């Protein structure tokens, strides 16, 4: 697997959850922690949803924490083998 680059807000709960899934999946991520001192939150042009977190993969950019966690889990075979297990 090529290098995966995760952009997320520093110290966010979403970042911690994604890192936990990456560890369980034995996937190494390069993490770019973003600080947000602005209100409202920054708009992120690189992200399809214009928000953090987003993951840069060889196949494209994935945004939203759940989608990132599912992607990492599925790459490692942690997302189940049938529809019931995946739900």
PDB file of N, CA and C in Angstrom:
ATOM      1  N   UNK A   1       0.850  -1.179   0.000  1.00  0.00           N
ATOM      2  CA  UNK A   1       0.000   0.000   0.000  1.00  0.00           C
ATOM      3  C   UNK A   1       0.893   1.239   0.000  1.00  0.00           C
ATOM      4  N   UNK A   2       0.617   2.175  -0.879  1.00  0.00           N
ATOM      5  CA  UNK A   2       1.373   3.419  -0.919  1.00  0.00           C
ATOM      6  C   UNK A   2       1.108   4.242   0.329  1.00  0.00           C
ATOM      7  N   UNK A   3       1.885   5.291   0.477  1.00  0.00           N
ATOM      8  CA  UNK A   3       1.733   6.133   1.664  1.00  0.00           C
ATOM      9  C   UNK A   3       0.337   6.754   1.720  1.00  0.00           C
ATOM     10  N   UNK A   4      -0.249   6.667   2.888  1.00  0.00           N
ATOM     11  CA  UNK A   4      -1.550   7.268   3.153  1.00  0.00           C
ATOM     12  C   UNK A   4      -1.320   8.489   4.023  1.00  0.00           C
ATOM     13  N   UNK A   5      -1.899   9.616   3.633  1.00  0.00           N
ATOM     14  CA  UNK A   5      -1.708  10.862   4.362  1.00  0.00           C
ATOM     15  C   UNK A   5      -3.054  11.320   4.909  1.00  0.00           C
ATOM     16  N   UNK A   6      -3.120  11.424   6.231  1.00  0.00           N
ATOM     17  CA  UNK A   6      -4.339  11.846   6.912  1.00  0.00           C
ATOM     18  C   UNK A   6      -4.203  13.294   7.368  1.00  0.00           C
ATOM     19  N   UNK A   7      -5.155  14.111   6.996  1.00  0.00           N
ATOM     20  CA  UNK A   7      -5.226  15.499   7.471  1.00  0.00           C
ATOM     21  C   UNK A   7      -6.391  15.579   8.443  1.00  0.00           C
ATOM     22  N   UNK A   8      -6.107  16.022   9.669  1.00  0.00           N
ATOM     23  CA  UNK A   8      -7.160  16.086  10.690  1.00  0.00           C
ATOM     24  C   UNK A   8      -6.830  17.182  11.691  1.00  0.00           C
ATOM     25  N   UNK A   9      -7.871  17.625  12.413  1.00  0.00           N
ATOM     26  CA  UNK A   9      -7.645  18.603  13.472  1.00  0.00           C
ATOM     27  C   UNK A   9      -6.845  17.968  14.597  1.00  0.00           C
ATOM     28  N   UNK A  10      -5.889  18.716  15.091  1.00  0.00           N
ATOM     29  CA  UNK A  10      -5.042  18.269  16.184  1.00  0.00           C
ATOM     30  C   UNK A  10      -5.893  17.972  17.418  1.00  0.00           C
ATOM     31  N   UNK A  11      -5.621  16.845  18.076  1.00  0.00           N
ATOM     32  CA  UNK A  11      -6.271  16.425  19.316  1.00  0.00           C
ATOM     33  C   UNK A  11      -7.774  16.173  19.177  1.00  0.00           C
ATOM     34  N   UNK A  12      -8.261  15.929  17.970  1.00  0.00           N
ATOM     35  CA  UNK A  12      -9.699  15.697  17.814  1.00  0.00           C
ATOM     36  C   UNK A  12     -10.060  14.245  18.116  1.00  0.00           C
ATOM     37  N   UNK A  13     -11.293  14.033  18.519  1.00  0.00           N
ATOM     38  CA  UNK A  13     -11.742  12.664  18.779  1.00  0.00           C
ATOM     39  C   UNK A  13     -11.767  11.847  17.499  1.00  0.00           C
ATOM     40  N   UNK A  14     -12.064  12.473  16.374  1.00  0.00           N
ATOM     41  CA  UNK A  14     -12.072  11.763  15.095  1.00  0.00           C
ATOM     42  C   UNK A  14     -10.663  11.282  14.743  1.00  0.00           C
ATOM     43  N   UNK A  15      -9.674  12.108  14.985  1.00  0.00           N
ATOM     44  CA  UNK A  15      -8.280  11.711  14.739  1.00  0.00           C
ATOM     45  C   UNK A  15      -7.928  10.498  15.590  1.00  0.00           C
ATOM     46  N   UNK A  16      -8.273  10.533  16.860  1.00  0.00           N
ATOM     47  CA  UNK A  16      -7.961   9.413  17.757  1.00  0.00           C
ATOM     48  C   UNK A  16      -8.646   8.125  17.321  1.00  0.00           C
ATOM     49  N   UNK A  17      -9.890   8.201  16.879  1.00  0.00           N
ATOM     50  CA  UNK A  17     -10.613   7.017  16.419  1.00  0.00           C
ATOM     51  C   UNK A  17      -9.969   6.442  15.159  1.00  0.00           C
ATOM     52  N   UNK A  18      -9.605   7.301  14.234  1.00  0.00           N
ATOM     53  CA  UNK A  18      -8.973   6.841  12.995  1.00  0.00           C
ATOM     54  C   UNK A  18      -7.625   6.197  13.299  1.00  0.00           C
ATOM     55  N   UNK A  19      -6.863   6.789  14.199  1.00  0.00           N
ATOM     56  CA  UNK A  19      -5.564   6.205  14.564  1.00  0.00           C
ATOM     57  C   UNK A  19      -5.735   4.847  15.232  1.00  0.00           C
ATOM     58  N   UNK A  20      -6.792   4.676  16.022  1.00  0.00           N
ATOM     59  CA  UNK A  20      -7.043   3.381  16.664  1.00  0.00           C
ATOM     60  C   UNK A  20      -7.355   2.314  15.614  1.00  0.00           C
ATOM     61  N   UNK A  21      -8.170   2.667  14.623  1.00  0.00           N
ATOM     62  CA  UNK A  21      -8.487   1.718  13.553  1.00  0.00           C
ATOM     63  C   UNK A  21      -7.243   1.398  12.738  1.00  0.00           C
ATOM     64  N   UNK A  22      -6.439   2.413  12.440  1.00  0.00           N
ATOM     65  CA  UNK A  22      -5.203   2.193  11.683  1.00  0.00           C
ATOM     66  C   UNK A  22      -4.267   1.244  12.423  1.00  0.00           C
ATOM     67  N   UNK A  23      -4.184   1.400  13.730  1.00  0.00           N
ATOM     68  CA  UNK A  23      -3.338   0.517  14.536  1.00  0.00           C
ATOM     69  C   UNK A  23      -3.871  -0.915  14.501  1.00  0.00           C
ATOM     70  N   UNK A  24      -5.178  -1.081  14.655  1.00  0.00           N
ATOM     71  CA  UNK A  24      -5.783  -2.420  14.609  1.00  0.00           C
ATOM     72  C   UNK A  24      -5.595  -3.061  13.238  1.00  0.00           C
ATOM     73  N   UNK A  25      -5.613  -2.240  12.190  1.00  0.00           N
ATOM     74  CA  UNK A  25      -5.457  -2.738  10.822  1.00  0.00           C
ATOM     75  C   UNK A  25      -3.994  -2.867  10.415  1.00  0.00           C
ATOM     76  N   UNK A  26      -3.096  -2.460  11.306  1.00  0.00           N
ATOM     77  CA  UNK A  26      -1.657  -2.499  11.019  1.00  0.00           C
ATOM     78  C   UNK A  26      -1.316  -1.672   9.777  1.00  0.00           C
ATOM     79  N   UNK A  27      -1.905  -0.483   9.709  1.00  0.00           N
ATOM     80  CA  UNK A  27      -1.697   0.443   8.600  1.00  0.00           C
ATOM     81  C   UNK A  27      -0.953   1.665   9.126  1.00  0.00           C
ATOM     82  N   UNK A  28       0.086   2.053   8.425  1.00  0.00           N
ATOM     83  CA  UNK A  28       0.858   3.231   8.806  1.00  0.00           C
ATOM     84  C   UNK A  28       0.308   4.454   8.077  1.00  0.00           C
ATOM     85  N   UNK A  29       0.019   5.496   8.836  1.00  0.00           N
ATOM     86  CA  UNK A  29      -0.474   6.750   8.273  1.00  0.00           C
ATOM     87  C   UNK A  29       0.534   7.860   8.530  1.00  0.00           C
ATOM     88  N   UNK A  30       0.707   8.717   7.552  1.00  0.00           N
ATOM     89  CA  UNK A  30       1.416   9.972   7.789  1.00  0.00           C
ATOM     90  C   UNK A  30       0.318  10.953   8.206  1.00  0.00           C
ATOM     91  N   UNK A  31       0.460  11.524   9.393  1.00  0.00           N
ATOM     92  CA  UNK A  31      -0.586  12.397   9.923  1.00  0.00           C
ATOM     93  C   UNK A  31      -0.142  13.853   9.843  1.00  0.00           C
ATOM     94  N   UNK A  32      -0.988  14.667   9.258  1.00  0.00           N
ATOM     95  CA  UNK A  32      -0.787  16.115   9.223  1.00  0.00           C
ATOM     96  C   UNK A  32      -1.848  16.706  10.137  1.00  0.00           C
ATOM     97  N   UNK A  33      -1.416  17.179  11.303  1.00  0.00           N
ATOM     98  CA  UNK A  33      -2.360  17.740  12.265  1.00  0.00           C
ATOM     99  C   UNK A  33      -2.565  19.213  11.970  1.00  0.00           C
ATOM    100  N   UNK A  34      -3.808  19.584  11.806  1.00  0.00           N
ATOM    101  CA  UNK A  34      -4.175  20.959  11.480  1.00  0.00           C
ATOM    102  C   UNK A  34      -4.686  21.659  12.732  1.00  0.00           C
ATOM    103  N   UNK A  35      -4.296  22.882  12.901  1.00  0.00           N
ATOM    104  CA  UNK A  35      -4.823  23.690  14.005  1.00  0.00           C
ATOM    105  C   UNK A  35      -5.889  24.603  13.437  1.00  0.00           C
ATOM    106  N   UNK A  36      -6.971  24.741  14.155  1.00  0.00           N
ATOM    107  CA  UNK A  36      -8.041  25.623  13.708  1.00  0.00           C
ATOM    108  C   UNK A  36      -8.329  26.644  14.787  1.00  0.00           C
ATOM    109  N   UNK A  37      -7.842  27.824  14.565  1.00  0.00           N
ATOM    110  CA  UNK A  37      -8.085  28.911  15.513  1.00  0.00           C
ATOM    111  C   UNK A  37      -9.171  29.849  14.998  1.00  0.00           C
ATOM    112  N   UNK A  38      -9.769  29.463  13.889  1.00  0.00           N
ATOM    113  CA  UNK A  38     -10.792  30.296  13.281  1.00  0.00           C
ATOM    114  C   UNK A  38     -12.180  29.762  13.583  1.00  0.00           C
ATOM    115  N   UNK A  39     -13.125  30.636  13.673  1.00  0.00           N
ATOM    116  CA  UNK A  39     -14.519  30.225  13.791  1.00  0.00           C
ATOM    117  C   UNK A  39     -15.289  30.973  12.707  1.00  0.00           C
ATOM    118  N   UNK A  40     -16.077  30.377  11.915  1.00  0.00           N
ATOM    119  CA  UNK A  40     -16.369  28.945  11.872  1.00  0.00           C
ATOM    120  C   UNK A  40     -15.187  28.147  11.321  1.00  0.00           C
ATOM    121  N   UNK A  41     -15.321  26.838  11.356  1.00  0.00           N
ATOM    122  CA  UNK A  41     -14.234  25.959  10.920  1.00  0.00           C
ATOM    123  C   UNK A  41     -13.822  26.268   9.481  1.00  0.00           C
ATOM    124  N   UNK A  42     -12.565  25.946   9.200  1.00  0.00           N
ATOM    125  CA  UNK A  42     -12.005  26.185   7.880  1.00  0.00           C
ATOM    126  C   UNK A  42     -12.711  25.374   6.804  1.00  0.00           C
ATOM    127  N   UNK A  43     -12.766  25.929   5.604  1.00  0.00           N
ATOM    128  CA  UNK A  43     -13.198  25.179   4.445  1.00  0.00           C
ATOM    129  C   UNK A  43     -11.948  24.610   3.805  1.00  0.00           C
ATOM    130  N   UNK A  44     -11.984  23.338   3.462  1.00  0.00           N
ATOM    131  CA  UNK A  44     -10.810  22.649   2.963  1.00  0.00           C
ATOM    132  C   UNK A  44     -11.027  22.281   1.506  1.00  0.00           C
ATOM    133  N   UNK A  45     -10.316  22.920   0.624  1.00  0.00           N
ATOM    134  CA  UNK A  45     -10.512  22.712  -0.808  1.00  0.00           C
ATOM    135  C   UNK A  45     -10.147  21.302  -1.262  1.00  0.00           C
ATOM    136  N   UNK A  46      -9.153  20.666  -0.630  1.00  0.00           N
ATOM    137  CA  UNK A  46      -8.711  19.330  -1.057  1.00  0.00           C
ATOM    138  C   UNK A  46      -9.728  18.247  -0.716  1.00  0.00           C
ATOM    139  N   UNK A  47     -10.582  18.498   0.264  1.00  0.00           N
ATOM    140  CA  UNK A  47     -11.550  17.510   0.729  1.00  0.00           C
ATOM    141  C   UNK A  47     -12.840  17.589  -0.089  1.00  0.00           C
ATOM    142  N   UNK A  48     -13.383  16.444  -0.505  1.00  0.00           N
ATOM    143  CA  UNK A  48     -14.646  16.467  -1.251  1.00  0.00           C
ATOM    144  C   UNK A  48     -15.793  17.095  -0.468  1.00  0.00           C
ATOM    145  N   UNK A  49     -15.760  17.003   0.863  1.00  0.00           N
ATOM    146  CA  UNK A  49     -16.814  17.603   1.678  1.00  0.00           C
ATOM    147  C   UNK A  49     -16.393  18.940   2.284  1.00  0.00           C
ATOM    148  N   UNK A  50     -15.214  19.402   1.909  1.00  0.00           N
ATOM    149  CA  UNK A  50     -14.665  20.676   2.393  1.00  0.00           C
ATOM    150  C   UNK A  50     -14.446  20.720   3.891  1.00  0.00           C
ATOM    151  N   UNK A  51     -14.187  19.562   4.508  1.00  0.00           N
ATOM    152  CA  UNK A  51     -13.978  19.507   5.950  1.00  0.00           C
ATOM    153  C   UNK A  51     -12.825  18.572   6.288  1.00  0.00           C
ATOM    154  N   UNK A  52     -12.385  18.625   7.529  1.00  0.00           N
ATOM    155  CA  UNK A  52     -11.441  17.660   8.078  1.00  0.00           C
ATOM    156  C   UNK A  52     -12.244  16.604   8.819  1.00  0.00           C
ATOM    157  N   UNK A  53     -11.766  15.386   8.954  1.00  0.00           N
ATOM    158  CA  UNK A  53     -10.550  14.824   8.408  1.00  0.00           C
ATOM    159  C   UNK A  53     -10.747  14.359   6.965  1.00  0.00           C
ATOM    160  N   UNK A  54      -9.607  14.223   6.260  1.00  0.00           N
ATOM    161  CA  UNK A  54      -9.628  13.577   4.958  1.00  0.00           C
ATOM    162  C   UNK A  54      -8.336  12.806   4.779  1.00  0.00           C
ATOM    163  N   UNK A  55      -8.417  11.735   3.999  1.00  0.00           N
ATOM    164  CA  UNK A  55      -7.303  10.825   3.791  1.00  0.00           C
ATOM    165  C   UNK A  55      -6.938  10.820   2.321  1.00  0.00           C
ATOM    166  N   UNK A  56      -5.669  11.061   2.038  1.00  0.00           N
ATOM    167  CA  UNK A  56      -5.170  11.000   0.664  1.00  0.00           C
ATOM    168  C   UNK A  56      -4.648   9.587   0.428  1.00  0.00           C
ATOM    169  N   UNK A  57      -5.236   8.902  -0.546  1.00  0.00           N
ATOM    170  CA  UNK A  57      -4.860   7.529  -0.879  1.00  0.00           C
ATOM    171  C   UNK A  57      -4.392   7.484  -2.337  1.00  0.00           C
ATOM    172  N   UNK A  58      -3.798   6.374  -2.754  1.00  0.00           N
ATOM    173  CA  UNK A  58      -3.426   6.244  -4.169  1.00  0.00           C
ATOM    174  C   UNK A  58      -4.648   6.256  -5.097  1.00  0.00           C
ATOM    175  N   UNK A  59      -5.816   5.903  -4.550  1.00  0.00           N
ATOM    176  CA  UNK A  59      -7.038   5.847  -5.349  1.00  0.00           C
ATOM    177  C   UNK A  59      -7.816   7.154  -5.367  1.00  0.00           C
ATOM    178  N   UNK A  60      -7.442   8.103  -4.531  1.00  0.00           N
ATOM    179  CA  UNK A  60      -8.153   9.367  -4.445  1.00  0.00           C
ATOM    180  C   UNK A  60      -8.279   9.818  -2.999  1.00  0.00           C
ATOM    181  N   UNK A  61      -9.100  10.826  -2.775  1.00  0.00           N
ATOM    182  CA  UNK A  61      -9.257  11.411  -1.447  1.00  0.00           C
ATOM    183  C   UNK A  61     -10.567  10.923  -0.825  1.00  0.00           C
ATOM    184  N   UNK A  62     -10.472  10.514   0.439  1.00  0.00           N
ATOM    185  CA  UNK A  62     -11.651  10.072   1.191  1.00  0.00           C
ATOM    186  C   UNK A  62     -11.859  11.052   2.339  1.00  0.00           C
ATOM    187  N   UNK A  63     -13.079  11.541   2.471  1.00  0.00           N
ATOM    188  CA  UNK A  63     -13.372  12.434   3.589  1.00  0.00           C
ATOM    189  C   UNK A  63     -14.438  11.805   4.464  1.00  0.00           C
ATOM    190  N   UNK A  64     -14.609  12.350   5.645  1.00  0.00           N
ATOM    191  CA  UNK A  64     -15.507  11.871   6.687  1.00  0.00           C
ATOM    192  C   UNK A  64     -14.838  10.732   7.449  1.00  0.00           C
ATOM    193  N   UNK A  65     -14.847  10.851   8.759  1.00  0.00           N
ATOM    194  CA  UNK A  65     -14.142   9.922   9.636  1.00  0.00           C
ATOM    195  C   UNK A  65     -14.615   8.478   9.462  1.00  0.00           C
ATOM    196  N   UNK A  66     -15.934   8.252   9.383  1.00  0.00           N
ATOM    197  CA  UNK A  66     -16.434   6.887   9.262  1.00  0.00           C
ATOM    198  C   UNK A  66     -15.958   6.251   7.963  1.00  0.00           C
ATOM    199  N   UNK A  67     -16.008   6.991   6.872  1.00  0.00           N
ATOM    200  CA  UNK A  67     -15.571   6.457   5.579  1.00  0.00           C
ATOM    201  C   UNK A  67     -14.076   6.114   5.620  1.00  0.00           C
ATOM    202  N   UNK A  68     -13.287   6.940   6.281  1.00  0.00           N
ATOM    203  CA  UNK A  68     -11.848   6.677   6.412  1.00  0.00           C
ATOM    204  C   UNK A  68     -11.626   5.412   7.234  1.00  0.00           C
ATOM    205  N   UNK A  69     -12.337   5.284   8.352  1.00  0.00           N
ATOM    206  CA  UNK A  69     -12.178   4.096   9.193  1.00  0.00           C
ATOM    207  C   UNK A  69     -12.612   2.829   8.445  1.00  0.00           C
ATOM    208  N   UNK A  70     -13.697   2.913   7.679  1.00  0.00           N
ATOM    209  CA  UNK A  70     -14.153   1.763   6.902  1.00  0.00           C
ATOM    210  C   UNK A  70     -13.118   1.391   5.847  1.00  0.00           C
ATOM    211  N   UNK A  71     -12.559   2.375   5.176  1.00  0.00           N
ATOM    212  CA  UNK A  71     -11.526   2.135   4.153  1.00  0.00           C
ATOM    213  C   UNK A  71     -10.328   1.414   4.770  1.00  0.00           C
ATOM    214  N   UNK A  72      -9.838   1.907   5.902  1.00  0.00           N
ATOM    215  CA  UNK A  72      -8.687   1.287   6.552  1.00  0.00           C
ATOM    216  C   UNK A  72      -9.011  -0.132   7.001  1.00  0.00           C
ATOM    217  N   UNK A  73     -10.175  -0.315   7.589  1.00  0.00           N
ATOM    218  CA  UNK A  73     -10.572  -1.638   8.038  1.00  0.00           C
ATOM    219  C   UNK A  73     -10.746  -2.619   6.893  1.00  0.00           C
ATOM    220  N   UNK A  74     -11.319  -2.160   5.793  1.00  0.00           N
ATOM    221  CA  UNK A  74     -11.538  -3.064   4.662  1.00  0.00           C
ATOM    222  C   UNK A  74     -10.229  -3.456   4.004  1.00  0.00           C
ATOM    223  N   UNK A  75      -9.253  -2.572   4.002  1.00  0.00           N
ATOM    224  CA  UNK A  75      -7.936  -2.900   3.437  1.00  0.00           C
ATOM    225  C   UNK A  75      -7.260  -4.011   4.237  1.00  0.00           C
ATOM    226  N   UNK A  76      -7.572  -4.111   5.525  1.00  0.00           N
ATOM    227  CA  UNK A  76      -6.943  -5.107   6.396  1.00  0.00           C
ATOM    228  C   UNK A  76      -7.853  -6.304   6.663  1.00  0.00           C
ATOM    229  N   UNK A  77      -9.018  -6.338   6.025  1.00  0.00           N
ATOM    230  CA  UNK A  77      -9.930  -7.450   6.229  1.00  0.00           C
ATOM    231  C   UNK A  77     -10.685  -7.391   7.539  1.00  0.00           C
ATOM    232  N   UNK A  78     -10.822  -6.209   8.124  1.00  0.00           N
ATOM    233  CA  UNK A  78     -11.509  -6.066   9.407  1.00  0.00           C
ATOM    234  C   UNK A  78     -12.974  -5.670   9.273  1.00  0.00           C
ATOM    235  N   UNK A  79     -13.460  -5.510   8.054  1.00  0.00           N
ATOM    236  CA  UNK A  79     -14.818  -4.994   7.886  1.00  0.00           C
ATOM    237  C   UNK A  79     -15.857  -6.070   7.651  1.00  0.00           C
ATOM    238  N   UNK A  80     -15.515  -7.334   7.857  1.00  0.00           N
ATOM    239  CA  UNK A  80     -16.470  -8.419   7.725  1.00  0.00           C
ATOM    240  C   UNK A  80     -16.417  -9.077   6.360  1.00  0.00           C
ATOM    241  N   UNK A  81     -17.025 -10.260   6.300  1.00  0.00           N
ATOM    242  CA  UNK A  81     -17.012 -11.020   5.045  1.00  0.00           C
ATOM    243  C   UNK A  81     -18.382 -11.112   4.380  1.00  0.00           C
ATOM    244  N   UNK A  82     -19.422 -10.642   5.082  1.00  0.00           N
ATOM    245  CA  UNK A  82     -20.756 -10.659   4.482  1.00  0.00           C
ATOM    246  C   UNK A  82     -21.507  -9.395   4.914  1.00  0.00           C
ATOM    247  N   UNK A  83     -22.692  -9.209   4.350  1.00  0.00           N
ATOM    248  CA  UNK A  83     -23.457  -7.988   4.628  1.00  0.00           C
ATOM    249  C   UNK A  83     -23.789  -7.835   6.115  1.00  0.00           C
ATOM    250  N   UNK A  84     -24.119  -8.914   6.785  1.00  0.00           N
ATOM    251  CA  UNK A  84     -24.463  -8.849   8.207  1.00  0.00           C
ATOM    252  C   UNK A  84     -23.282  -8.374   9.026  1.00  0.00           C
ATOM    253  N   UNK A  85     -22.097  -8.914   8.774  1.00  0.00           N
ATOM    254  CA  UNK A  85     -20.902  -8.509   9.515  1.00  0.00           C
ATOM    255  C   UNK A  85     -20.488  -7.078   9.201  1.00  0.00           C
ATOM    256  N   UNK A  86     -20.721  -6.628   7.973  1.00  0.00           N
ATOM    257  CA  UNK A  86     -20.340  -5.267   7.584  1.00  0.00           C
ATOM    258  C   UNK A  86     -21.296  -4.209   8.118  1.00  0.00           C
ATOM    259  N   UNK A  87     -22.493  -4.610   8.539  1.00  0.00           N
ATOM    260  CA  UNK A  87     -23.477  -3.622   9.003  1.00  0.00           C
ATOM    261  C   UNK A  87     -23.297  -3.244  10.444  1.00  0.00           C
TER     262      UNK A  87
END
